[in-house]
């Protein structure tokens, strides 16, 4: 495929290390690692962490109700770079080698990380809905999609499945999802993502759809749309290893808008709204 120009994203979905609570993990990720990421010599263009409050994973084949060994996710990381030169400059910097990188083992289970390089695109929706949160502060569903052959380039797969996802959302969640973005997987000789984030032996993902939801109470409707989509796209994707996570964005920094790190932006999730949402048992 031709070399990508313009902004490049790194997306990783991680799990906390042993002997660490989720709160301890989230506090360290945002307050310590987030602060370290805002260095003059080695900072991404934009950085969003999304702590996860719920998730659903595909079943491991070969028995009844078998989970994969990597099941369990704690957050999603999105790093945006201005281009390949910027990405390489950051990761080759002395700051990443001596400060940021060594902080990773203090919170991360590297063996189970899911990561991909991608370009981000907006997904047109056949309806309009007013946003309910500013960029970097939204409640979102992040949907990692895999193919049976572990494809890592997303363009061809996107052509097969995107209209099916839009159809499922339009029919089941048009009053709950106000925006959708797709992260289209790419590979490059410029950077070995798994060498930094880990997880090279895990399933590989070619598409990550980010669904911006009205609130945490939108989850049951997104799950209904997901079930419809997985029927429509069953011949193109591997839903044994695909998975969806739900979280609240935490904007670490955005240099395009002049936003630097501030520990006060760490989100504190109130699960009252989520657990008071409509039950899937009461939905037709």
Protein backbone atom coordinates (compact mmCIF):
# COMPACT_ATOMS: atom_id res chain seq x y z
CA UNK A 1 0.00 0.00 0.00
CA UNK A 2 1.14 3.62 -0.52
CA UNK A 3 2.84 5.44 2.36
CA UNK A 4 0.47 7.42 4.55
CA UNK A 5 1.01 11.16 4.79
CA UNK A 6 -0.54 13.44 7.38
CA UNK A 7 -1.59 12.57 10.92
CA UNK A 8 -0.86 9.10 12.32
CA UNK A 9 -2.56 7.54 15.34
CA UNK A 10 -1.46 4.87 17.76
CA UNK A 11 -4.29 3.10 19.55
CA UNK A 12 -3.72 0.69 22.41
CA UNK A 13 -6.18 -1.08 24.67
CA UNK A 14 -4.48 -2.18 27.86
CA UNK A 15 -4.84 -4.10 31.07
CA UNK A 16 -3.32 -3.21 34.42
CA UNK A 17 -0.40 -5.10 35.91
CA UNK A 18 -0.92 -7.65 38.74
CA UNK A 19 -1.53 -6.43 42.30
CA UNK A 20 -3.04 -3.13 41.19
CA UNK A 21 -6.63 -1.94 41.58
CA UNK A 22 -8.41 -0.20 38.73
CA UNK A 23 -8.41 3.09 40.65
CA UNK A 24 -4.68 2.81 41.31
CA UNK A 25 -4.15 2.09 37.63
CA UNK A 26 -6.29 5.02 36.46
CA UNK A 27 -4.69 7.43 38.91
CA UNK A 28 -1.17 6.47 37.82
CA UNK A 29 -2.05 6.47 34.12
CA UNK A 30 -3.47 9.98 34.17
CA UNK A 31 -1.60 11.82 36.91
CA UNK A 32 1.87 10.31 36.48
CA UNK A 33 2.10 8.97 32.92
CA UNK A 34 -0.06 11.78 31.56
CA UNK A 35 2.17 14.41 33.13
CA UNK A 36 5.30 12.72 31.77
CA UNK A 37 3.78 12.75 28.27
CA UNK A 38 3.60 16.54 28.19
CA UNK A 39 7.33 17.16 27.69
CA UNK A 40 8.60 19.82 25.33
CA UNK A 41 11.00 17.46 23.56
CA UNK A 42 8.74 14.43 23.25
CA UNK A 43 5.01 15.00 23.25
CA UNK A 44 2.30 13.69 20.90
CA UNK A 45 0.13 16.21 19.11
CA UNK A 46 -2.96 14.92 20.92
CA UNK A 47 -3.39 12.34 23.69
CA UNK A 48 -6.62 10.85 25.01
CA UNK A 49 -6.93 8.17 27.68
CA UNK A 50 -10.31 6.49 28.04
CA UNK A 51 -10.81 4.58 31.32
CA UNK A 52 -13.19 1.68 30.74
CA UNK A 53 -16.30 1.12 32.84
CA UNK A 54 -17.64 -1.94 31.00
CA UNK A 55 -16.84 -4.22 28.08
CA UNK A 56 -17.96 -7.30 26.15
CA UNK A 57 -15.62 -9.85 24.55
CA UNK A 58 -16.01 -12.61 22.02
CA UNK A 59 -15.94 -16.25 23.14
CA UNK A 60 -12.92 -18.50 22.74
CA UNK A 61 -13.91 -21.37 20.48
CA UNK A 62 -13.87 -25.00 21.59
CA UNK A 63 -16.19 -25.13 24.56
CA UNK A 64 -18.99 -23.50 26.53
CA UNK A 65 -18.50 -19.87 27.64
CA UNK A 66 -14.72 -19.83 27.29
CA UNK A 67 -12.90 -16.51 27.72
CA UNK A 68 -9.62 -15.69 26.01
CA UNK A 69 -6.59 -15.41 28.28
CA UNK A 70 -6.29 -11.71 27.42
CA UNK A 71 -9.87 -10.77 28.40
CA UNK A 72 -10.16 -7.79 30.74
CA UNK A 73 -9.37 -4.24 29.62
CA UNK A 74 -8.80 -1.12 31.72
CA UNK A 75 -8.33 1.73 29.26
CA UNK A 76 -7.83 2.85 25.68
CA UNK A 77 -4.91 5.08 24.69
CA UNK A 78 -5.08 7.30 21.59
CA UNK A 79 -1.91 9.11 20.55
CA UNK A 80 -1.99 11.39 17.52
CA UNK A 81 1.18 12.54 15.74
CA UNK A 82 1.57 15.12 12.98
CA UNK A 83 3.26 12.52 10.77
CA UNK A 84 5.94 9.84 10.67
CA UNK A 85 8.77 12.27 11.36
CA UNK A 86 7.04 13.53 14.48
CA UNK A 87 6.28 9.99 15.68
CA UNK A 88 9.88 8.87 15.22
CA UNK A 89 11.22 12.01 16.87
CA UNK A 90 9.10 11.38 19.98
CA UNK A 91 9.87 7.69 20.39
CA UNK A 92 13.58 8.06 19.69
CA UNK A 93 13.93 10.90 22.18
CA UNK A 94 15.99 10.61 25.34
CA UNK A 95 12.87 11.58 27.34
CA UNK A 96 10.91 8.55 26.16
CA UNK A 97 13.90 6.25 26.65
CA UNK A 98 14.74 7.43 30.16
CA UNK A 99 11.50 8.81 31.64
CA UNK A 100 8.28 7.90 29.83
CA UNK A 101 9.15 4.37 28.70
CA UNK A 102 10.42 3.17 32.11
CA UNK A 103 7.14 4.34 33.69
CA UNK A 104 5.15 1.76 31.66
CA UNK A 105 6.06 -1.31 33.77
CA UNK A 106 4.73 0.50 36.85
CA UNK A 107 1.14 0.03 35.63
CA UNK A 108 0.88 -2.03 32.42
CA UNK A 109 0.45 -5.72 31.63
CA UNK A 110 2.44 -5.60 28.39
CA UNK A 111 1.75 -9.19 27.38
CA UNK A 112 -1.97 -8.52 26.86
CA UNK A 113 -1.88 -5.10 25.14
CA UNK A 114 -3.83 -4.73 21.89
CA UNK A 115 -2.37 -2.03 19.64
CA UNK A 116 -2.49 -0.74 16.07
CA UNK A 117 -1.31 2.12 13.89
CA UNK A 118 -4.13 3.89 12.09
CA UNK A 119 -5.45 6.91 10.28
CA UNK A 120 -8.64 8.49 11.58
CA UNK A 121 -11.68 9.29 9.42
CA UNK A 122 -15.18 10.60 10.19
CA UNK A 123 -18.03 8.20 9.44
CA UNK A 124 -21.08 9.88 7.85
CA UNK A 125 -24.36 9.08 9.59
CA UNK A 126 -27.80 9.24 7.90
CA UNK A 127 -29.21 11.29 10.77
CA UNK A 128 -28.29 14.32 12.85
CA UNK A 129 -27.95 14.48 16.62
CA UNK A 130 -26.55 17.25 18.79
CA UNK A 131 -23.30 16.42 20.61
CA UNK A 132 -23.61 16.00 24.36
CA UNK A 133 -19.94 16.56 25.26
CA UNK A 134 -16.90 18.47 24.03
CA UNK A 135 -14.08 16.69 22.19
CA UNK A 136 -11.95 14.83 24.71
CA UNK A 137 -14.67 14.58 27.35
CA UNK A 138 -17.20 12.24 25.74
CA UNK A 139 -18.67 8.93 26.81
CA UNK A 140 -17.67 6.51 24.08
CA UNK A 141 -17.80 2.93 22.85
CA UNK A 142 -14.59 1.70 21.21
CA UNK A 143 -15.13 -1.31 18.95
CA UNK A 144 -12.04 -3.33 17.97
CA UNK A 145 -12.64 -5.44 14.86
CA UNK A 146 -10.53 -8.39 13.70
CA UNK A 147 -10.65 -10.65 10.65
CA UNK A 148 -10.17 -14.45 10.56
CA UNK A 149 -6.73 -13.98 8.96
CA UNK A 150 -5.49 -11.26 11.37
CA UNK A 151 -5.51 -8.60 8.64
CA UNK A 152 -3.86 -5.35 9.80
CA UNK A 153 -4.68 -3.09 6.84
CA UNK A 154 -8.19 -1.78 7.30
CA UNK A 155 -9.17 -0.19 3.98
CA UNK A 156 -10.54 -3.26 2.21
CA UNK A 157 -12.35 -4.47 5.33
CA UNK A 158 -13.80 -1.01 5.90
CA UNK A 159 -15.36 -1.11 2.44
CA UNK A 160 -17.13 -4.35 3.37
CA UNK A 161 -18.45 -3.56 6.83
CA UNK A 162 -18.86 0.17 7.43
CA UNK A 163 -22.23 0.56 5.74
CA UNK A 164 -23.48 -2.42 7.77
CA UNK A 165 -22.41 -0.79 11.05
CA UNK A 166 -24.04 2.51 10.08
CA UNK A 167 -27.23 0.65 9.22
CA UNK A 168 -27.26 -1.15 12.58
CA UNK A 169 -26.67 2.10 14.49
CA UNK A 170 -29.29 3.97 12.50
CA UNK A 171 -31.90 1.30 13.21
CA UNK A 172 -31.11 0.76 16.88
CA UNK A 173 -29.21 3.72 18.35
CA UNK A 174 -29.95 6.82 16.27
CA UNK A 175 -31.01 8.76 19.39
CA UNK A 176 -28.00 7.55 21.39
CA UNK A 177 -24.90 7.86 19.13
CA UNK A 178 -24.24 11.35 17.79
CA UNK A 179 -20.88 10.81 16.05
CA UNK A 180 -18.74 7.95 14.75
CA UNK A 181 -15.06 7.88 13.84
CA UNK A 182 -13.15 5.02 12.27
CA UNK A 183 -9.48 4.29 12.83
CA UNK A 184 -8.27 2.44 9.74
CA UNK A 185 -5.36 0.12 10.44
CA UNK A 186 -2.03 0.52 8.64
CA UNK A 187 1.46 -0.95 8.95
CA UNK A 188 4.79 0.69 8.28
CA UNK A 189 8.51 0.04 8.39
CA UNK A 190 8.82 3.33 10.28
CA UNK A 191 7.72 1.92 13.63
CA UNK A 192 7.26 -1.46 15.33
CA UNK A 193 4.23 -0.84 17.52
CA UNK A 194 4.32 -4.14 19.39
CA UNK A 195 7.98 -3.64 20.29
CA UNK A 196 6.95 -0.62 22.35
CA UNK A 197 3.44 -1.50 23.60
CA UNK A 198 3.79 -5.30 23.72
CA UNK A 199 1.11 -7.80 22.73
CA UNK A 200 2.74 -9.10 19.55
CA UNK A 201 1.31 -12.60 20.07
CA UNK A 202 -2.24 -11.36 20.54
CA UNK A 203 -4.95 -11.05 17.88
CA UNK A 204 -4.37 -8.15 15.49
CA UNK A 205 -7.01 -5.56 14.62
CA UNK A 206 -7.59 -3.68 11.38
CA UNK A 207 -10.45 -1.34 12.32
CA UNK A 208 -11.42 0.50 15.48
CA UNK A 209 -14.74 2.33 15.46
CA UNK A 210 -15.29 5.00 18.08
CA UNK A 211 -18.95 5.70 18.86
CA UNK A 212 -19.74 8.93 20.70
CA UNK A 213 -22.72 8.25 22.96
CA UNK A 214 -25.26 10.55 24.56
CA UNK A 215 -24.43 9.10 27.97
CA UNK A 216 -23.57 5.88 29.78
CA UNK A 217 -27.27 5.01 29.61
CA UNK A 218 -26.82 4.61 25.82
CA UNK A 219 -24.87 1.36 26.25
CA UNK A 220 -27.86 -1.03 25.98
CA UNK A 221 -28.85 0.54 22.65
CA UNK A 222 -25.31 0.32 21.30
CA UNK A 223 -25.20 -3.32 22.37
CA UNK A 224 -28.44 -3.94 20.46
CA UNK A 225 -26.92 -2.32 17.37
CA UNK A 226 -23.76 -4.38 17.86
CA UNK A 227 -25.77 -7.61 17.90
CA UNK A 228 -27.46 -6.63 14.64
CA UNK A 229 -24.16 -5.67 13.03
CA UNK A 230 -22.49 -8.93 13.99
CA UNK A 231 -25.19 -10.83 12.15
CA UNK A 232 -24.80 -8.65 9.06
CA UNK A 233 -20.97 -8.77 9.01
CA UNK A 234 -20.36 -12.33 10.20
CA UNK A 235 -18.74 -13.41 6.91
CA UNK A 236 -16.16 -10.60 6.94
CA UNK A 237 -15.04 -10.42 10.58
CA UNK A 238 -13.92 -12.67 13.42
CA UNK A 239 -16.23 -11.95 16.33
CA UNK A 240 -14.43 -14.44 18.54
CA UNK A 241 -11.56 -11.97 18.93
CA UNK A 242 -13.37 -8.69 18.21
CA UNK A 243 -14.52 -6.79 21.29
CA UNK A 244 -16.16 -3.57 22.48
CA UNK A 245 -15.31 -1.39 25.47
CA UNK A 246 -17.20 1.52 27.03
CA UNK A 247 -15.49 4.43 28.74
CA UNK A 248 -15.24 8.11 29.56
CA UNK A 249 -12.63 10.12 27.66
CA UNK A 250 -9.84 11.83 29.59
CA UNK A 251 -8.09 14.49 27.52
CA UNK A 252 -4.43 14.48 28.53
CA UNK A 253 -3.31 17.14 26.05
CA UNK A 254 -4.16 18.65 22.68
CA UNK A 255 -1.48 20.96 21.29
CA UNK A 256 -3.71 21.89 18.35
CA UNK A 257 -6.04 23.62 20.80
CA UNK A 258 -3.32 24.78 23.16
CA UNK A 259 -4.37 22.35 25.91
CA UNK A 260 -1.56 21.12 28.15
CA UNK A 261 -1.73 18.44 30.84
CA UNK A 262 -3.79 19.27 33.92
CA UNK A 263 -4.43 16.68 36.63
CA UNK A 264 -7.80 18.31 37.34
CA UNK A 265 -9.16 16.89 34.07
CA UNK A 266 -8.98 13.31 35.30
CA UNK A 267 -12.56 11.96 34.97
CA UNK A 268 -14.34 10.48 37.96
CA UNK A 269 -17.01 8.10 36.69
CA UNK A 270 -20.37 8.02 38.51
CA UNK A 271 -21.93 4.64 37.68
CA UNK A 272 -25.43 5.60 38.91
CA UNK A 273 -26.65 6.58 35.43
CA UNK A 274 -25.18 3.45 33.88
CA UNK A 275 -26.71 0.98 36.31
CA UNK A 276 -30.07 2.78 36.17
CA UNK A 277 -30.18 2.49 32.37
CA UNK A 278 -32.79 0.37 30.64
CA UNK A 279 -32.11 -3.36 30.98
CA UNK A 280 -31.46 -5.42 27.87
CA UNK A 281 -34.10 -7.79 29.29
CA UNK A 282 -36.73 -5.09 28.78
CA UNK A 283 -35.73 -4.17 25.22
CA UNK A 284 -37.54 -5.63 22.23
